[in-house]
């Protein structure tokens, strides 16, 4: 069974939630239902699970509910012998199929003996109106594909190796060579496999990359099917945007070019389509900032952005890129810069960072800029090739008195080193930023 960090958040909610239900969001196939099932069976005496896609009769009954009492009565009728007051957890999965349930649960969270968890796919899209309001009865936790550290756990790497690398990150000292080579090798495998649980589980069990590719292709197909089902009148445009992600990232600038969608394409015309994909959790938007200066949110230029896939393995599957042969023949280089940037984007997102980059005519472009937590902006450059110490944009930004940036990071294939204000870090250390 794959170990997931979100389990700690579920345990914290169970211990201190008061009168709050839990809403677990995230893209399809990231493992929400499975991890909730495992958690609930381990922590509660009784567990009742409803699936509003599989149980159409239940869905229809819930749809007709006008009050919380009616909803509770319906659940008790379908819940079976475990639906009893006591130490009982109730999961309503695929709750996007009956959005009113999210509102009605507000009146059930005070019932003694029951804890409620809601989950499903495309919740960011289908429940946008609910989530935009202050809802004190609902705690939200977002789930992502496995990050690199979780992937290492699945591959049998012990905590000691990860903690050694983390301490080297904090002290800016080189990682022991055997550990560095092991983590770098695993990172290359992560580029191929990504973090979707089904793909990781298959790879951990069999090392069969052909089967992994089939799993990834199936997930992409399901994402496109979700667009057809839920996107209504804009589904063709949204599919077009989604399918364009690999080609756009393969361009020299990696910034999304609207003319690829139509000759007169503009951000205003497609803004809702991009937002749909981001809210659905299947894409990551990295917007430009006009200055690498704290607070970065004040400098955002949201119409100027890059669009990454939510998982690097799915990006490779969508692009039909022959990454596997390149990795296995140790031939990764500058041509795979977009793949490296996609990994860093999903690592930063999984660790709670808002995704931003910086570009100006005078300085050039920085791949990412994040808040340091200490009142200044931290520039991050991502280098897949051997010339990782060539970074003119980063050098210009650091030399500018306008920005007052004390430190910067270059993620690369080399071991840890520090030169002046720049930390050169192995690319797998994106997990520690």
Protein backbone atom coordinates (compact mmCIF):
# COMPACT_ATOMS: atom_id res chain seq x y z
CA UNK A 1 0.00 0.00 0.00
CA UNK A 2 1.29 3.47 -0.92
CA UNK A 3 2.07 5.76 2.00
CA UNK A 4 0.61 9.27 1.58
CA UNK A 5 1.30 12.46 3.50
CA UNK A 6 -2.35 13.48 3.45
CA UNK A 7 -3.03 10.79 6.08
CA UNK A 8 -1.60 13.15 8.72
CA UNK A 9 -4.12 15.83 7.71
CA UNK A 10 -6.98 13.34 7.92
CA UNK A 11 -5.87 12.27 11.38
CA UNK A 12 -5.60 15.88 12.54
CA UNK A 13 -9.14 16.58 11.29
CA UNK A 14 -10.52 13.49 13.05
CA UNK A 15 -8.99 14.63 16.34
CA UNK A 16 -9.98 18.30 16.26
CA UNK A 17 -12.69 18.93 13.68
CA UNK A 18 -15.51 19.87 16.06
CA UNK A 19 -18.64 20.46 13.99
CA UNK A 20 -16.91 20.36 10.61
CA UNK A 21 -17.20 17.98 7.69
CA UNK A 22 -14.12 17.29 5.58
CA UNK A 23 -14.00 18.01 1.84
CA UNK A 24 -11.17 16.21 0.04
CA UNK A 25 -10.49 17.79 -3.34
CA UNK A 26 -8.09 16.91 -6.12
CA UNK A 27 -7.96 15.62 -9.68
CA UNK A 28 -9.34 12.26 -10.72
CA UNK A 29 -7.11 9.25 -10.03
CA UNK A 30 -4.89 10.88 -7.38
CA UNK A 31 -6.07 8.32 -4.80
CA UNK A 32 -8.69 10.23 -2.79
CA UNK A 33 -11.25 7.45 -2.34
CA UNK A 34 -8.65 4.81 -1.54
CA UNK A 35 -6.80 6.81 1.11
CA UNK A 36 -10.08 7.88 2.78
CA UNK A 37 -11.24 4.25 2.85
CA UNK A 38 -8.00 3.06 4.44
CA UNK A 39 -8.00 5.92 6.95
CA UNK A 40 -11.64 5.49 7.98
CA UNK A 41 -11.42 1.72 8.46
CA UNK A 42 -8.36 2.18 10.66
CA UNK A 43 -9.76 4.99 12.83
CA UNK A 44 -13.50 4.32 13.18
CA UNK A 45 -15.56 1.46 14.51
CA UNK A 46 -18.09 1.88 11.68
CA UNK A 47 -17.53 3.11 8.12
CA UNK A 48 -20.24 3.77 5.53
CA UNK A 49 -19.30 4.69 1.96
CA UNK A 50 -21.67 6.07 -0.68
CA UNK A 51 -20.68 6.44 -4.34
CA UNK A 52 -22.98 8.82 -6.22
CA UNK A 53 -21.75 7.62 -9.63
CA UNK A 54 -22.09 3.89 -8.99
CA UNK A 55 -25.29 4.20 -6.93
CA UNK A 56 -27.63 6.03 -9.29
CA UNK A 57 -30.69 5.19 -7.18
CA UNK A 58 -29.05 6.79 -4.15
CA UNK A 59 -28.07 9.81 -6.23
CA UNK A 60 -31.64 10.28 -7.41
CA UNK A 61 -32.94 10.00 -3.85
CA UNK A 62 -30.40 12.57 -2.59
CA UNK A 63 -31.26 14.91 -5.46
CA UNK A 64 -34.85 15.04 -4.28
CA UNK A 65 -33.95 15.92 -0.68
CA UNK A 66 -35.18 19.34 0.45
CA UNK A 67 -33.80 19.28 3.97
CA UNK A 68 -31.03 17.83 6.07
CA UNK A 69 -33.49 15.53 7.81
CA UNK A 70 -34.56 14.08 4.46
CA UNK A 71 -30.90 13.62 3.47
CA UNK A 72 -30.14 11.83 6.74
CA UNK A 73 -33.17 9.59 6.26
CA UNK A 74 -32.02 8.65 2.74
CA UNK A 75 -28.51 7.83 3.95
CA UNK A 76 -29.85 5.73 6.79
CA UNK A 77 -32.01 3.78 4.32
CA UNK A 78 -29.08 3.05 2.00
CA UNK A 79 -26.35 2.81 4.66
CA UNK A 80 -27.00 -0.63 6.05
CA UNK A 81 -26.12 -1.95 9.47
CA UNK A 82 -23.03 0.25 9.92
CA UNK A 83 -25.05 3.46 9.68
CA UNK A 84 -25.52 3.75 13.43
CA UNK A 85 -24.69 6.52 15.93
CA UNK A 86 -21.37 5.93 17.58
CA UNK A 87 -17.84 5.97 16.26
CA UNK A 88 -19.02 6.22 12.64
CA UNK A 89 -17.47 7.81 9.54
CA UNK A 90 -19.66 8.50 6.49
CA UNK A 91 -18.02 9.05 3.10
CA UNK A 92 -20.06 10.60 0.28
CA UNK A 93 -17.90 10.03 -2.78
CA UNK A 94 -18.33 11.63 -6.22
CA UNK A 95 -20.34 14.34 -4.45
CA UNK A 96 -20.12 16.57 -7.53
CA UNK A 97 -23.04 14.50 -8.87
CA UNK A 98 -25.31 16.00 -6.20
CA UNK A 99 -23.99 19.42 -5.26
CA UNK A 100 -26.83 20.30 -2.91
CA UNK A 101 -25.57 17.57 -0.57
CA UNK A 102 -22.56 19.75 0.25
CA UNK A 103 -24.86 22.49 1.54
CA UNK A 104 -27.21 20.16 3.40
CA UNK A 105 -24.33 18.44 5.23
CA UNK A 106 -23.97 21.73 7.12
CA UNK A 107 -26.98 20.70 9.18
CA UNK A 108 -25.72 17.17 9.82
CA UNK A 109 -22.26 17.84 11.23
CA UNK A 110 -23.70 18.51 14.67
CA UNK A 111 -25.24 15.03 14.95
CA UNK A 112 -23.39 13.10 17.61
CA UNK A 113 -21.77 9.85 16.59
CA UNK A 114 -21.22 10.71 12.91
CA UNK A 115 -18.28 12.25 11.06
CA UNK A 116 -18.79 13.21 7.41
CA UNK A 117 -16.21 13.21 4.59
CA UNK A 118 -17.07 14.46 1.10
CA UNK A 119 -14.95 13.72 -1.94
CA UNK A 120 -15.09 13.45 -5.70
CA UNK A 121 -13.67 14.56 -9.02
CA UNK A 122 -13.76 18.09 -10.47
CA UNK A 123 -14.89 19.55 -7.16
CA UNK A 124 -13.06 22.79 -7.90
CA UNK A 125 -15.29 23.20 -10.95
CA UNK A 126 -18.60 21.83 -9.75
CA UNK A 127 -18.46 23.32 -6.26
CA UNK A 128 -16.91 26.67 -7.16
CA UNK A 129 -19.86 28.65 -5.79
CA UNK A 130 -19.87 26.73 -2.51
CA UNK A 131 -16.11 27.00 -2.00
CA UNK A 132 -16.07 30.72 -2.77
CA UNK A 133 -18.19 31.38 0.32
CA UNK A 134 -16.98 31.24 3.93
CA UNK A 135 -18.22 27.83 5.02
CA UNK A 136 -17.26 27.24 8.62
CA UNK A 137 -18.80 23.77 8.62
CA UNK A 138 -16.43 22.50 5.92
CA UNK A 139 -12.69 21.95 6.13
CA UNK A 140 -11.00 21.51 2.74
CA UNK A 141 -7.91 19.40 2.06
CA UNK A 142 -6.43 19.21 -1.42
CA UNK A 143 -4.80 16.00 -2.63
CA UNK A 144 -2.15 15.82 -5.35
CA UNK A 145 -0.37 13.03 -7.20
CA UNK A 146 2.45 11.46 -5.21
CA UNK A 147 5.25 13.97 -4.76
CA UNK A 148 8.85 12.87 -5.17
CA UNK A 149 9.32 12.00 -1.50
CA UNK A 150 6.21 9.79 -1.53
CA UNK A 151 7.50 8.17 -4.73
CA UNK A 152 10.78 7.41 -2.93
CA UNK A 153 8.84 5.75 -0.11
CA UNK A 154 7.05 3.59 -2.67
CA UNK A 155 10.41 2.58 -4.12
CA UNK A 156 11.65 1.45 -0.71
CA UNK A 157 13.87 4.41 0.20
CA UNK A 158 14.18 4.75 3.97
CA UNK A 159 13.52 7.93 5.90
CA UNK A 160 17.19 8.20 6.88
CA UNK A 161 18.27 8.83 3.28
CA UNK A 162 15.60 11.50 2.78
CA UNK A 163 16.46 13.18 6.07
CA UNK A 164 20.17 13.18 5.18
CA UNK A 165 19.37 14.93 1.91
CA UNK A 166 17.12 17.40 3.75
CA UNK A 167 19.87 18.25 6.25
CA UNK A 168 22.30 18.82 3.36
CA UNK A 169 19.75 21.15 1.78
CA UNK A 170 19.49 23.13 5.00
CA UNK A 171 23.26 23.34 5.54
CA UNK A 172 24.21 23.77 1.85
CA UNK A 173 26.61 20.81 2.02
CA UNK A 174 26.98 18.00 -0.53
CA UNK A 175 24.87 14.88 -0.20
CA UNK A 176 26.82 11.67 0.32
CA UNK A 177 27.64 10.38 -3.15
CA UNK A 178 25.79 7.01 -2.93
CA UNK A 179 22.64 8.70 -1.62
CA UNK A 180 22.84 11.48 -4.20
CA UNK A 181 23.20 8.98 -7.05
CA UNK A 182 20.31 6.89 -5.71
CA UNK A 183 17.97 9.88 -5.36
CA UNK A 184 18.95 11.23 -8.78
CA UNK A 185 18.27 7.83 -10.34
CA UNK A 186 14.87 7.71 -8.63
CA UNK A 187 14.13 11.22 -9.85
CA UNK A 188 14.76 10.08 -13.43
CA UNK A 189 12.35 7.21 -12.85
CA UNK A 190 9.84 9.69 -11.47
CA UNK A 191 10.04 11.61 -14.75
CA UNK A 192 8.83 8.49 -16.55
CA UNK A 193 6.30 7.23 -14.02
CA UNK A 194 4.97 10.41 -12.45
CA UNK A 195 2.88 10.38 -9.28
CA UNK A 196 -0.47 8.87 -10.21
CA UNK A 197 -0.99 6.07 -7.63
CA UNK A 198 -1.99 3.39 -10.15
CA UNK A 199 1.10 4.08 -12.26
CA UNK A 200 3.41 4.18 -9.23
CA UNK A 201 1.94 0.96 -7.80
CA UNK A 202 2.39 -0.84 -11.13
CA UNK A 203 5.97 0.36 -11.47
CA UNK A 204 6.86 -0.48 -7.86
CA UNK A 205 5.45 -4.00 -8.28
CA UNK A 206 6.60 -4.94 -11.78
CA UNK A 207 8.95 -2.26 -13.20
CA UNK A 208 6.89 -2.72 -16.38
CA UNK A 209 7.01 0.65 -18.11
CA UNK A 210 4.76 -0.52 -20.94
CA UNK A 211 1.97 -1.16 -18.42
CA UNK A 212 2.68 2.18 -16.76
CA UNK A 213 2.24 3.94 -20.11
CA UNK A 214 -1.11 2.20 -20.65
CA UNK A 215 -2.30 3.36 -17.21
CA UNK A 216 -1.21 6.92 -17.93
CA UNK A 217 -2.98 6.89 -21.30
CA UNK A 218 -6.16 5.64 -19.65
CA UNK A 219 -6.08 8.49 -17.11
CA UNK A 220 -5.64 11.08 -19.88
CA UNK A 221 -8.61 9.52 -21.68
CA UNK A 222 -10.70 9.80 -18.50
CA UNK A 223 -9.73 13.45 -18.10
CA UNK A 224 -10.90 14.18 -21.63
CA UNK A 225 -14.13 12.28 -20.93
CA UNK A 226 -14.70 14.42 -17.83
CA UNK A 227 -14.35 17.53 -19.99
CA UNK A 228 -17.04 16.18 -22.31
CA UNK A 229 -19.33 15.34 -19.39
CA UNK A 230 -18.96 18.40 -17.18
CA UNK A 231 -17.77 21.29 -19.36
CA UNK A 232 -21.10 21.70 -21.23
CA UNK A 233 -20.99 24.36 -23.95
CA UNK A 234 -17.21 25.02 -23.74
CA UNK A 235 -16.04 21.41 -23.89
CA UNK A 236 -14.46 21.65 -27.35
CA UNK A 237 -12.43 24.72 -26.41
CA UNK A 238 -11.35 23.20 -23.09
CA UNK A 239 -10.27 19.97 -24.78
CA UNK A 240 -8.28 22.04 -27.26
CA UNK A 241 -6.50 23.89 -24.46
CA UNK A 242 -5.76 20.65 -22.60
CA UNK A 243 -4.43 18.90 -25.70
CA UNK A 244 -2.20 21.91 -26.44
CA UNK A 245 -0.26 21.68 -23.14
CA UNK A 246 2.63 19.48 -24.40
CA UNK A 247 3.18 21.47 -27.59
CA UNK A 248 3.05 24.80 -25.76
CA UNK A 249 5.62 23.62 -23.20
CA UNK A 250 7.84 22.32 -25.98
CA UNK A 251 8.09 25.81 -27.48
CA UNK A 252 11.12 27.92 -26.70
CA UNK A 253 9.27 30.32 -24.40
CA UNK A 254 6.93 27.69 -22.84
CA UNK A 255 4.37 30.48 -22.38
CA UNK A 256 0.89 29.76 -23.64
CA UNK A 257 0.30 31.17 -27.13
CA UNK A 258 -3.39 31.85 -27.68
CA UNK A 259 -3.03 32.00 -31.47
CA UNK A 260 -2.47 28.21 -31.40
CA UNK A 261 -6.14 27.90 -30.46
CA UNK A 262 -7.48 30.27 -33.08
CA UNK A 263 -6.04 33.05 -35.30
CA UNK A 264 -7.67 35.71 -33.11
CA UNK A 265 -7.26 33.88 -29.81
CA UNK A 266 -6.93 36.07 -26.72
CA UNK A 267 -6.73 35.48 -22.98
CA UNK A 268 -10.12 37.10 -22.49
CA UNK A 269 -11.69 34.67 -24.95
CA UNK A 270 -10.25 31.56 -23.29
CA UNK A 271 -9.83 32.66 -19.65
CA UNK A 272 -12.71 30.52 -18.36
CA UNK A 273 -11.38 27.48 -20.24
CA UNK A 274 -7.97 27.75 -18.57
CA UNK A 275 -9.64 28.30 -15.20
CA UNK A 276 -11.78 25.19 -15.73
CA UNK A 277 -8.70 22.99 -16.21
CA UNK A 278 -6.93 24.50 -13.20
CA UNK A 279 -10.02 24.20 -10.98
CA UNK A 280 -10.44 20.60 -12.15
CA UNK A 281 -6.92 19.91 -10.92
CA UNK A 282 -5.69 18.55 -14.26
CA UNK A 283 -3.48 21.55 -15.10
CA UNK A 284 -1.18 23.93 -13.21
CA UNK A 285 -1.09 27.59 -14.16
CA UNK A 286 2.12 29.57 -13.54
CA UNK A 287 1.44 33.28 -13.95
CA UNK A 288 3.94 36.04 -14.64
CA UNK A 289 4.92 38.68 -12.11
CA UNK A 290 6.02 42.10 -13.27
CA UNK A 291 8.68 42.23 -10.54
CA UNK A 292 10.35 39.55 -8.38
CA UNK A 293 9.41 41.46 -5.28
CA UNK A 294 7.51 40.64 -2.08
CA UNK A 295 4.54 40.43 -1.95
CA UNK A 296 4.42 38.63 -5.28
CA UNK A 297 0.63 38.60 -5.41
CA UNK A 298 0.67 42.35 -5.92
CA UNK A 299 2.78 41.91 -9.06
CA UNK A 300 0.78 39.20 -10.82
CA UNK A 301 0.01 39.49 -14.53
CA UNK A 302 -2.54 36.70 -14.83
CA UNK A 303 -3.07 36.94 -18.60
CA UNK A 304 0.58 35.99 -19.19
CA UNK A 305 1.24 32.43 -18.00
CA UNK A 306 2.54 28.91 -18.57
CA UNK A 307 0.27 25.89 -18.33
CA UNK A 308 1.71 22.61 -17.02
CA UNK A 309 0.15 19.18 -16.63
CA UNK A 310 -0.78 18.16 -13.09
CA UNK A 311 1.57 15.17 -13.38
CA UNK A 312 4.82 14.78 -15.29
CA UNK A 313 4.05 11.17 -16.21
CA UNK A 314 0.80 12.27 -17.85
CA UNK A 315 2.65 15.05 -19.69
CA UNK A 316 4.98 12.48 -21.23
CA UNK A 317 2.02 10.25 -22.11
CA UNK A 318 0.16 13.14 -23.74
CA UNK A 319 3.20 14.24 -25.72
CA UNK A 320 4.19 10.71 -26.67
CA UNK A 321 7.73 11.80 -25.85
CA UNK A 322 10.31 9.05 -25.87
CA UNK A 323 11.57 9.99 -22.44
CA UNK A 324 11.99 6.38 -21.37
CA UNK A 325 14.68 5.57 -23.93
CA UNK A 326 16.49 8.85 -23.24
CA UNK A 327 16.51 8.24 -19.49
CA UNK A 328 17.54 4.62 -19.75
CA UNK A 329 20.37 5.56 -22.14
CA UNK A 330 21.45 8.45 -19.87
CA UNK A 331 20.77 10.96 -22.63
CA UNK A 332 18.70 13.61 -20.86
CA UNK A 333 19.59 17.15 -21.74
CA UNK A 334 18.30 20.56 -22.66
CA UNK A 335 15.50 19.12 -24.83
CA UNK A 336 13.79 17.91 -21.67
CA UNK A 337 13.70 21.27 -19.93
CA UNK A 338 9.89 21.38 -20.04
CA UNK A 339 9.68 18.02 -18.26
CA UNK A 340 11.98 19.22 -15.48
CA UNK A 341 9.98 22.43 -15.11
CA UNK A 342 6.74 20.42 -14.93
CA UNK A 343 8.15 18.33 -12.05
CA UNK A 344 9.21 21.45 -10.17
CA UNK A 345 5.81 23.07 -10.74
CA UNK A 346 3.96 20.08 -9.32
CA UNK A 347 6.35 19.80 -6.36
CA UNK A 348 5.89 23.48 -5.50
CA UNK A 349 2.11 23.19 -5.85
CA UNK A 350 1.97 20.07 -3.67
CA UNK A 351 3.88 21.92 -0.96
CA UNK A 352 1.53 24.89 -0.93
CA UNK A 353 3.42 27.42 -3.05
CA UNK A 354 1.59 29.73 -5.45
CA UNK A 355 3.10 29.22 -8.92
CA UNK A 356 4.69 32.27 -10.53
CA UNK A 357 7.53 33.14 -12.92
CA UNK A 358 9.21 36.42 -13.87
CA UNK A 359 9.99 37.83 -17.28
CA UNK A 360 11.09 41.26 -18.43
CA UNK A 361 12.72 42.57 -21.60
CA UNK A 362 15.64 43.93 -19.60
CA UNK A 363 16.47 40.91 -17.41
CA UNK A 364 15.07 37.92 -19.29
CA UNK A 365 13.14 35.11 -17.63
CA UNK A 366 13.25 33.25 -14.33
CA UNK A 367 11.54 29.84 -14.34
CA UNK A 368 9.87 30.26 -10.94
CA UNK A 369 9.66 32.83 -8.16
CA UNK A 370 8.21 31.91 -4.75
CA UNK A 371 7.76 33.67 -1.43
CA UNK A 372 10.70 32.85 0.85
CA UNK A 373 8.65 33.12 4.03
CA UNK A 374 11.08 35.76 5.26
CA UNK A 375 9.74 38.77 3.37
CA UNK A 376 11.57 38.45 0.07
CA UNK A 377 11.14 36.65 -3.25
CA UNK A 378 13.19 33.51 -3.99
CA UNK A 379 14.10 33.05 -7.69
CA UNK A 380 14.40 29.46 -8.95
CA UNK A 381 16.03 28.37 -12.18
CA UNK A 382 15.64 24.81 -13.48
CA UNK A 383 18.47 23.34 -15.58
CA UNK A 384 18.34 19.90 -17.18
CA UNK A 385 21.68 20.12 -19.00
CA UNK A 386 25.32 20.36 -17.99
CA UNK A 387 25.65 24.14 -18.45
CA UNK A 388 23.67 24.81 -15.29
CA UNK A 389 25.94 27.68 -14.22
CA UNK A 390 24.95 29.73 -17.23
CA UNK A 391 21.96 31.83 -16.12
CA UNK A 392 22.09 35.39 -17.42
CA UNK A 393 18.58 36.33 -16.28
CA UNK A 394 19.24 35.16 -12.74
CA UNK A 395 22.56 37.01 -12.61
CA UNK A 396 20.91 40.24 -13.80
CA UNK A 397 18.14 39.99 -11.24
CA UNK A 398 20.59 39.35 -8.40
CA UNK A 399 22.76 42.30 -9.44
CA UNK A 400 19.81 44.69 -9.60
CA UNK A 401 19.53 47.01 -6.57
CA UNK A 402 15.79 47.33 -7.24
CA UNK A 403 14.96 43.84 -6.01
CA UNK A 404 17.25 43.26 -3.00
CA UNK A 405 17.18 39.47 -3.33
CA UNK A 406 19.58 37.85 -0.83
CA UNK A 407 19.56 34.31 -2.26
CA UNK A 408 18.60 32.30 -5.33
CA UNK A 409 18.37 28.61 -6.27
CA UNK A 410 19.42 26.70 -9.36
CA UNK A 411 17.97 23.17 -9.56
CA UNK A 412 20.18 20.90 -11.63
CA UNK A 413 21.73 17.43 -11.92
CA UNK A 414 24.78 18.28 -9.79
CA UNK A 415 25.33 17.85 -6.07
CA UNK A 416 24.90 20.69 -3.57
CA UNK A 417 27.22 23.67 -3.83
CA UNK A 418 27.06 27.37 -3.03
CA UNK A 419 28.64 30.21 -4.98
CA UNK A 420 27.98 33.65 -3.61
CA UNK A 421 24.22 34.10 -3.26
CA UNK A 422 23.33 31.14 -5.48
CA UNK A 423 22.64 27.65 -4.15
CA UNK A 424 23.10 24.93 -6.76
CA UNK A 425 20.88 22.07 -5.66
CA UNK A 426 20.05 18.64 -7.06
CA UNK A 427 16.73 18.90 -8.85
CA UNK A 428 15.16 16.37 -6.46
CA UNK A 429 15.54 19.00 -3.70
CA UNK A 430 12.59 20.90 -5.15
CA UNK A 431 10.74 18.83 -2.56
CA UNK A 432 12.49 20.77 0.24
CA UNK A 433 11.92 24.34 -0.94
